[in-house]
Amino acid sequence: VFITRKHRLCIVMDYADGGDVHMKIKNREGALLPEEQILEWFVQTCFALKHVHERKVLHRDLKTQNIFLMSN
């Protein structure tokens, strides 16, 4: 994370080639996701939030469109 000369906040992160959770759900066209997959995403999201909260960072727009996935 850094602030530009125009005082804008920029976040640099790895490329998430797996898309986002919202698109994964939408592409299923009503088919349910496996419980194991949901639990894995949930646990990883909780760990990520714990990590940023410990650093006094607050995510103000937590939604499926903002949870990015890696393909592996």
PDB file of N, CA and C in Angstrom:
ATOM      1  N   VAL A   1       0.850  -1.173   0.000  1.00  0.00           N
ATOM      2  CA  VAL A   1       0.000   0.000   0.000  1.00  0.00           C
ATOM      3  C   VAL A   1       0.892   1.231   0.000  1.00  0.00           C
ATOM      4  N   PHE A   2       0.535   2.202  -0.821  1.00  0.00           N
ATOM      5  CA  PHE A   2       1.263   3.461  -0.815  1.00  0.00           C
ATOM      6  C   PHE A   2       0.323   4.588  -1.209  1.00  0.00           C
ATOM      7  N   ILE A   3       0.747   5.808  -0.930  1.00  0.00           N
ATOM      8  CA  ILE A   3      -0.034   6.997  -1.253  1.00  0.00           C
ATOM      9  C   ILE A   3       0.669   7.725  -2.390  1.00  0.00           C
ATOM     10  N   THR A   4      -0.088   8.091  -3.414  1.00  0.00           N
ATOM     11  CA  THR A   4       0.476   8.779  -4.570  1.00  0.00           C
ATOM     12  C   THR A   4       0.728  10.245  -4.244  1.00  0.00           C
ATOM     13  N   ARG A   5       1.357  10.921  -5.177  1.00  0.00           N
ATOM     14  CA  ARG A   5       1.617  12.357  -5.003  1.00  0.00           C
ATOM     15  C   ARG A   5       0.324  13.159  -4.923  1.00  0.00           C
ATOM     16  N   LYS A   6      -0.736  12.614  -5.514  1.00  0.00           N
ATOM     17  CA  LYS A   6      -2.042  13.286  -5.462  1.00  0.00           C
ATOM     18  C   LYS A   6      -2.862  12.811  -4.264  1.00  0.00           C
ATOM     19  N   HIS A   7      -2.192  12.170  -3.307  1.00  0.00           N
ATOM     20  CA  HIS A   7      -2.804  11.711  -2.051  1.00  0.00           C
ATOM     21  C   HIS A   7      -3.888  10.656  -2.258  1.00  0.00           C
ATOM     22  N   ARG A   8      -3.659   9.771  -3.214  1.00  0.00           N
ATOM     23  CA  ARG A   8      -4.574   8.655  -3.440  1.00  0.00           C
ATOM     24  C   ARG A   8      -3.925   7.382  -2.920  1.00  0.00           C
ATOM     25  N   LEU A   9      -4.731   6.562  -2.314  1.00  0.00           N
ATOM     26  CA  LEU A   9      -4.253   5.298  -1.764  1.00  0.00           C
ATOM     27  C   LEU A   9      -4.224   4.240  -2.859  1.00  0.00           C
ATOM     28  N   CYS A  10      -3.103   3.546  -3.001  1.00  0.00           N
ATOM     29  CA  CYS A  10      -2.964   2.477  -3.993  1.00  0.00           C
ATOM     30  C   CYS A  10      -2.605   1.179  -3.286  1.00  0.00           C
ATOM     31  N   ILE A  11      -3.252   0.118  -3.702  1.00  0.00           N
ATOM     32  CA  ILE A  11      -2.976  -1.201  -3.153  1.00  0.00           C
ATOM     33  C   ILE A  11      -2.382  -2.053  -4.265  1.00  0.00           C
ATOM     34  N   VAL A  12      -1.225  -2.622  -4.010  1.00  0.00           N
ATOM     35  CA  VAL A  12      -0.567  -3.500  -4.972  1.00  0.00           C
ATOM     36  C   VAL A  12      -0.657  -4.919  -4.427  1.00  0.00           C
ATOM     37  N   MET A  13      -1.150  -5.844  -5.263  1.00  0.00           N
ATOM     38  CA  MET A  13      -1.307  -7.217  -4.806  1.00  0.00           C
ATOM     39  C   MET A  13      -1.033  -8.184  -5.952  1.00  0.00           C
ATOM     40  N   ASP A  14      -0.909  -9.443  -5.610  1.00  0.00           N
ATOM     41  CA  ASP A  14      -0.704 -10.473  -6.620  1.00  0.00           C
ATOM     42  C   ASP A  14      -1.916 -10.543  -7.548  1.00  0.00           C
ATOM     43  N   TYR A  15      -1.659 -10.963  -8.786  1.00  0.00           N
ATOM     44  CA  TYR A  15      -2.741 -11.147  -9.747  1.00  0.00           C
ATOM     45  C   TYR A  15      -3.572 -12.363  -9.338  1.00  0.00           C
ATOM     46  N   ALA A  16      -4.862 -12.162  -9.205  1.00  0.00           N
ATOM     47  CA  ALA A  16      -5.773 -13.233  -8.791  1.00  0.00           C
ATOM     48  C   ALA A  16      -6.422 -13.833 -10.036  1.00  0.00           C
ATOM     49  N   ASP A  17      -5.757 -14.819 -10.615  1.00  0.00           N
ATOM     50  CA  ASP A  17      -6.215 -15.387 -11.879  1.00  0.00           C
ATOM     51  C   ASP A  17      -7.426 -16.303 -11.743  1.00  0.00           C
ATOM     52  N   GLY A  18      -7.897 -16.512 -10.518  1.00  0.00           N
ATOM     53  CA  GLY A  18      -9.072 -17.354 -10.303  1.00  0.00           C
ATOM     54  C   GLY A  18     -10.373 -16.573 -10.264  1.00  0.00           C
ATOM     55  N   GLY A  19     -10.317 -15.263 -10.510  1.00  0.00           N
ATOM     56  CA  GLY A  19     -11.525 -14.445 -10.467  1.00  0.00           C
ATOM     57  C   GLY A  19     -11.916 -14.100  -9.039  1.00  0.00           C
ATOM     58  N   ASP A  20     -13.198 -13.853  -8.835  1.00  0.00           N
ATOM     59  CA  ASP A  20     -13.687 -13.549  -7.489  1.00  0.00           C
ATOM     60  C   ASP A  20     -14.801 -14.524  -7.101  1.00  0.00           C
ATOM     61  N   VAL A  21     -15.139 -14.524  -5.838  1.00  0.00           N
ATOM     62  CA  VAL A  21     -16.149 -15.461  -5.326  1.00  0.00           C
ATOM     63  C   VAL A  21     -17.508 -15.203  -5.981  1.00  0.00           C
ATOM     64  N   HIS A  22     -17.837 -13.951  -6.209  1.00  0.00           N
ATOM     65  CA  HIS A  22     -19.122 -13.618  -6.834  1.00  0.00           C
ATOM     66  C   HIS A  22     -19.270 -14.301  -8.195  1.00  0.00           C
ATOM     67  N   MET A  23     -18.240 -14.214  -9.029  1.00  0.00           N
ATOM     68  CA  MET A  23     -18.306 -14.823 -10.361  1.00  0.00           C
ATOM     69  C   MET A  23     -18.332 -16.354 -10.279  1.00  0.00           C
ATOM     70  N   LYS A  24     -17.605 -16.920  -9.310  1.00  0.00           N
ATOM     71  CA  LYS A  24     -17.636 -18.383  -9.144  1.00  0.00           C
ATOM     72  C   LYS A  24     -19.052 -18.851  -8.828  1.00  0.00           C
ATOM     73  N   ILE A  25     -19.739 -18.116  -7.961  1.00  0.00           N
ATOM     74  CA  ILE A  25     -21.116 -18.473  -7.598  1.00  0.00           C
ATOM     75  C   ILE A  25     -22.044 -18.262  -8.794  1.00  0.00           C
ATOM     76  N   LYS A  26     -21.916 -17.125  -9.457  1.00  0.00           N
ATOM     77  CA  LYS A  26     -22.777 -16.801 -10.597  1.00  0.00           C
ATOM     78  C   LYS A  26     -22.619 -17.818 -11.728  1.00  0.00           C
ATOM     79  N   ASN A  27     -21.394 -18.238 -11.990  1.00  0.00           N
ATOM     80  CA  ASN A  27     -21.139 -19.188 -13.076  1.00  0.00           C
ATOM     81  C   ASN A  27     -21.694 -20.582 -12.791  1.00  0.00           C
ATOM     82  N   ARG A  28     -22.053 -20.862 -11.562  1.00  0.00           N
ATOM     83  CA  ARG A  28     -22.621 -22.175 -11.212  1.00  0.00           C
ATOM     84  C   ARG A  28     -24.081 -22.283 -11.640  1.00  0.00           C
ATOM     85  N   GLU A  29     -24.694 -21.160 -12.000  1.00  0.00           N
ATOM     86  CA  GLU A  29     -26.080 -21.132 -12.492  1.00  0.00           C
ATOM     87  C   GLU A  29     -27.045 -21.877 -11.576  1.00  0.00           C
ATOM     88  N   GLY A  30     -26.943 -21.613 -10.291  1.00  0.00           N
ATOM     89  CA  GLY A  30     -27.858 -22.208  -9.330  1.00  0.00           C
ATOM     90  C   GLY A  30     -27.379 -23.493  -8.693  1.00  0.00           C
ATOM     91  N   ALA A  31     -26.356 -24.119  -9.269  1.00  0.00           N
ATOM     92  CA  ALA A  31     -25.822 -25.351  -8.669  1.00  0.00           C
ATOM     93  C   ALA A  31     -25.079 -24.996  -7.383  1.00  0.00           C
ATOM     94  N   LEU A  32     -25.249 -25.822  -6.383  1.00  0.00           N
ATOM     95  CA  LEU A  32     -24.605 -25.567  -5.096  1.00  0.00           C
ATOM     96  C   LEU A  32     -23.104 -25.828  -5.166  1.00  0.00           C
ATOM     97  N   LEU A  33     -22.367 -25.039  -4.417  1.00  0.00           N
ATOM     98  CA  LEU A  33     -20.926 -25.269  -4.274  1.00  0.00           C
ATOM     99  C   LEU A  33     -20.702 -26.359  -3.236  1.00  0.00           C
ATOM    100  N   PRO A  34     -19.640 -27.131  -3.368  1.00  0.00           N
ATOM    101  CA  PRO A  34     -19.329 -28.130  -2.340  1.00  0.00           C
ATOM    102  C   PRO A  34     -19.057 -27.450  -0.989  1.00  0.00           C
ATOM    103  N   GLU A  35     -19.544 -28.069   0.061  1.00  0.00           N
ATOM    104  CA  GLU A  35     -19.359 -27.513   1.403  1.00  0.00           C
ATOM    105  C   GLU A  35     -17.883 -27.301   1.725  1.00  0.00           C
ATOM    106  N   GLU A  36     -17.021 -28.212   1.291  1.00  0.00           N
ATOM    107  CA  GLU A  36     -15.583 -28.093   1.556  1.00  0.00           C
ATOM    108  C   GLU A  36     -15.020 -26.819   0.936  1.00  0.00           C
ATOM    109  N   GLN A  37     -15.495 -26.472  -0.269  1.00  0.00           N
ATOM    110  CA  GLN A  37     -15.021 -25.262  -0.946  1.00  0.00           C
ATOM    111  C   GLN A  37     -15.456 -24.014  -0.193  1.00  0.00           C
ATOM    112  N   ILE A  38     -16.705 -23.997   0.231  1.00  0.00           N
ATOM    113  CA  ILE A  38     -17.230 -22.854   0.983  1.00  0.00           C
ATOM    114  C   ILE A  38     -16.446 -22.670   2.278  1.00  0.00           C
ATOM    115  N   LEU A  39     -16.207 -23.766   2.993  1.00  0.00           N
ATOM    116  CA  LEU A  39     -15.456 -23.691   4.248  1.00  0.00           C
ATOM    117  C   LEU A  39     -14.029 -23.206   4.018  1.00  0.00           C
ATOM    118  N   GLU A  40     -13.387 -23.661   2.940  1.00  0.00           N
ATOM    119  CA  GLU A  40     -12.025 -23.222   2.647  1.00  0.00           C
ATOM    120  C   GLU A  40     -11.988 -21.716   2.399  1.00  0.00           C
ATOM    121  N   TRP A  41     -12.904 -21.211   1.576  1.00  0.00           N
ATOM    122  CA  TRP A  41     -12.950 -19.770   1.307  1.00  0.00           C
ATOM    123  C   TRP A  41     -13.249 -18.987   2.579  1.00  0.00           C
ATOM    124  N   PHE A  42     -14.178 -19.491   3.396  1.00  0.00           N
ATOM    125  CA  PHE A  42     -14.546 -18.805   4.634  1.00  0.00           C
ATOM    126  C   PHE A  42     -13.360 -18.712   5.584  1.00  0.00           C
ATOM    127  N   VAL A  43     -12.672 -19.822   5.798  1.00  0.00           N
ATOM    128  CA  VAL A  43     -11.524 -19.841   6.714  1.00  0.00           C
ATOM    129  C   VAL A  43     -10.420 -18.922   6.207  1.00  0.00           C
ATOM    130  N   GLN A  44     -10.109 -18.979   4.913  1.00  0.00           N
ATOM    131  CA  GLN A  44      -9.068 -18.119   4.353  1.00  0.00           C
ATOM    132  C   GLN A  44      -9.446 -16.640   4.476  1.00  0.00           C
ATOM    133  N   THR A  45     -10.720 -16.326   4.281  1.00  0.00           N
ATOM    134  CA  THR A  45     -11.184 -14.942   4.435  1.00  0.00           C
ATOM    135  C   THR A  45     -11.041 -14.489   5.882  1.00  0.00           C
ATOM    136  N   CYS A  46     -11.377 -15.357   6.826  1.00  0.00           N
ATOM    137  CA  CYS A  46     -11.223 -15.024   8.247  1.00  0.00           C
ATOM    138  C   CYS A  46      -9.762 -14.780   8.604  1.00  0.00           C
ATOM    139  N   PHE A  47      -8.867 -15.621   8.110  1.00  0.00           N
ATOM    140  CA  PHE A  47      -7.431 -15.422   8.358  1.00  0.00           C
ATOM    141  C   PHE A  47      -6.957 -14.094   7.768  1.00  0.00           C
ATOM    142  N   ALA A  48      -7.419 -13.774   6.566  1.00  0.00           N
ATOM    143  CA  ALA A  48      -7.018 -12.516   5.924  1.00  0.00           C
ATOM    144  C   ALA A  48      -7.512 -11.315   6.723  1.00  0.00           C
ATOM    145  N   LEU A  49      -8.752 -11.360   7.182  1.00  0.00           N
ATOM    146  CA  LEU A  49      -9.289 -10.261   7.984  1.00  0.00           C
ATOM    147  C   LEU A  49      -8.566 -10.136   9.314  1.00  0.00           C
ATOM    148  N   LYS A  50      -8.255 -11.251   9.940  1.00  0.00           N
ATOM    149  CA  LYS A  50      -7.487 -11.226  11.189  1.00  0.00           C
ATOM    150  C   LYS A  50      -6.135 -10.556  10.954  1.00  0.00           C
ATOM    151  N   HIS A  51      -5.489 -10.905   9.852  1.00  0.00           N
ATOM    152  CA  HIS A  51      -4.181 -10.345   9.516  1.00  0.00           C
ATOM    153  C   HIS A  51      -4.247  -8.819   9.367  1.00  0.00           C
ATOM    154  N   VAL A  52      -5.215  -8.328   8.594  1.00  0.00           N
ATOM    155  CA  VAL A  52      -5.283  -6.875   8.393  1.00  0.00           C
ATOM    156  C   VAL A  52      -5.766  -6.153   9.645  1.00  0.00           C
ATOM    157  N   HIS A  53      -6.678  -6.753  10.410  1.00  0.00           N
ATOM    158  CA  HIS A  53      -7.150  -6.110  11.641  1.00  0.00           C
ATOM    159  C   HIS A  53      -6.030  -5.982  12.669  1.00  0.00           C
ATOM    160  N   GLU A  54      -5.150  -6.971  12.724  1.00  0.00           N
ATOM    161  CA  GLU A  54      -4.008  -6.883  13.642  1.00  0.00           C
ATOM    162  C   GLU A  54      -3.085  -5.726  13.276  1.00  0.00           C
ATOM    163  N   ARG A  55      -3.164  -5.277  12.038  1.00  0.00           N
ATOM    164  CA  ARG A  55      -2.340  -4.164  11.567  1.00  0.00           C
ATOM    165  C   ARG A  55      -3.135  -2.860  11.521  1.00  0.00           C
ATOM    166  N   LYS A  56      -4.272  -2.859  12.209  1.00  0.00           N
ATOM    167  CA  LYS A  56      -5.136  -1.679  12.331  1.00  0.00           C
ATOM    168  C   LYS A  56      -5.693  -1.210  10.991  1.00  0.00           C
ATOM    169  N   VAL A  57      -5.963  -2.172  10.099  1.00  0.00           N
ATOM    170  CA  VAL A  57      -6.574  -1.865   8.804  1.00  0.00           C
ATOM    171  C   VAL A  57      -8.007  -2.377   8.836  1.00  0.00           C
ATOM    172  N   LEU A  58      -8.919  -1.569   8.359  1.00  0.00           N
ATOM    173  CA  LEU A  58     -10.335  -1.930   8.343  1.00  0.00           C
ATOM    174  C   LEU A  58     -10.809  -2.030   6.898  1.00  0.00           C
ATOM    175  N   HIS A  59     -11.400  -3.154   6.537  1.00  0.00           N
ATOM    176  CA  HIS A  59     -11.960  -3.328   5.197  1.00  0.00           C
ATOM    177  C   HIS A  59     -13.404  -2.859   5.251  1.00  0.00           C
ATOM    178  N   ARG A  60     -13.728  -1.835   4.480  1.00  0.00           N
ATOM    179  CA  ARG A  60     -15.057  -1.235   4.571  1.00  0.00           C
ATOM    180  C   ARG A  60     -16.021  -1.704   3.492  1.00  0.00           C
ATOM    181  N   ASP A  61     -15.606  -2.653   2.667  1.00  0.00           N
ATOM    182  CA  ASP A  61     -16.483  -3.093   1.582  1.00  0.00           C
ATOM    183  C   ASP A  61     -16.317  -4.590   1.344  1.00  0.00           C
ATOM    184  N   LEU A  62     -16.533  -5.362   2.388  1.00  0.00           N
ATOM    185  CA  LEU A  62     -16.371  -6.812   2.289  1.00  0.00           C
ATOM    186  C   LEU A  62     -17.600  -7.413   1.615  1.00  0.00           C
ATOM    187  N   LYS A  63     -17.386  -8.000   0.436  1.00  0.00           N
ATOM    188  CA  LYS A  63     -18.451  -8.652  -0.319  1.00  0.00           C
ATOM    189  C   LYS A  63     -17.807  -9.658  -1.254  1.00  0.00           C
ATOM    190  N   THR A  64     -18.616 -10.511  -1.848  1.00  0.00           N
ATOM    191  CA  THR A  64     -18.075 -11.583  -2.685  1.00  0.00           C
ATOM    192  C   THR A  64     -17.289 -11.046  -3.879  1.00  0.00           C
ATOM    193  N   GLN A  65     -17.651  -9.871  -4.384  1.00  0.00           N
ATOM    194  CA  GLN A  65     -16.918  -9.285  -5.510  1.00  0.00           C
ATOM    195  C   GLN A  65     -15.512  -8.836  -5.109  1.00  0.00           C
ATOM    196  N   ASN A  66     -15.261  -8.682  -3.820  1.00  0.00           N
ATOM    197  CA  ASN A  66     -13.958  -8.223  -3.335  1.00  0.00           C
ATOM    198  C   ASN A  66     -13.133  -9.333  -2.688  1.00  0.00           C
ATOM    199  N   ILE A  67     -13.545 -10.565  -2.858  1.00  0.00           N
ATOM    200  CA  ILE A  67     -12.757 -11.704  -2.384  1.00  0.00           C
ATOM    201  C   ILE A  67     -12.197 -12.392  -3.623  1.00  0.00           C
ATOM    202  N   PHE A  68     -10.913 -12.168  -3.865  1.00  0.00           N
ATOM    203  CA  PHE A  68     -10.263 -12.656  -5.079  1.00  0.00           C
ATOM    204  C   PHE A  68      -9.633 -14.022  -4.848  1.00  0.00           C
ATOM    205  N   LEU A  69      -9.612 -14.830  -5.903  1.00  0.00           N
ATOM    206  CA  LEU A  69      -9.151 -16.212  -5.810  1.00  0.00           C
ATOM    207  C   LEU A  69      -7.955 -16.460  -6.717  1.00  0.00           C
ATOM    208  N   MET A  70      -7.076 -17.326  -6.266  1.00  0.00           N
ATOM    209  CA  MET A  70      -5.973 -17.795  -7.098  1.00  0.00           C
ATOM    210  C   MET A  70      -6.431 -19.096  -7.760  1.00  0.00           C
ATOM    211  N   SER A  71      -5.883 -19.411  -8.919  1.00  0.00           N
ATOM    212  CA  SER A  71      -6.331 -20.609  -9.639  1.00  0.00           C
ATOM    213  C   SER A  71      -5.831 -21.897  -8.999  1.00  0.00           C
ATOM    214  N   ASN A  72      -4.760 -21.837  -8.224  1.00  0.00           N
ATOM    215  CA  ASN A  72      -4.207 -23.075  -7.646  1.00  0.00           C
ATOM    216  C   ASN A  72      -4.862 -23.426  -6.344  1.00  0.00           C
TER     217      ASN A  72
END
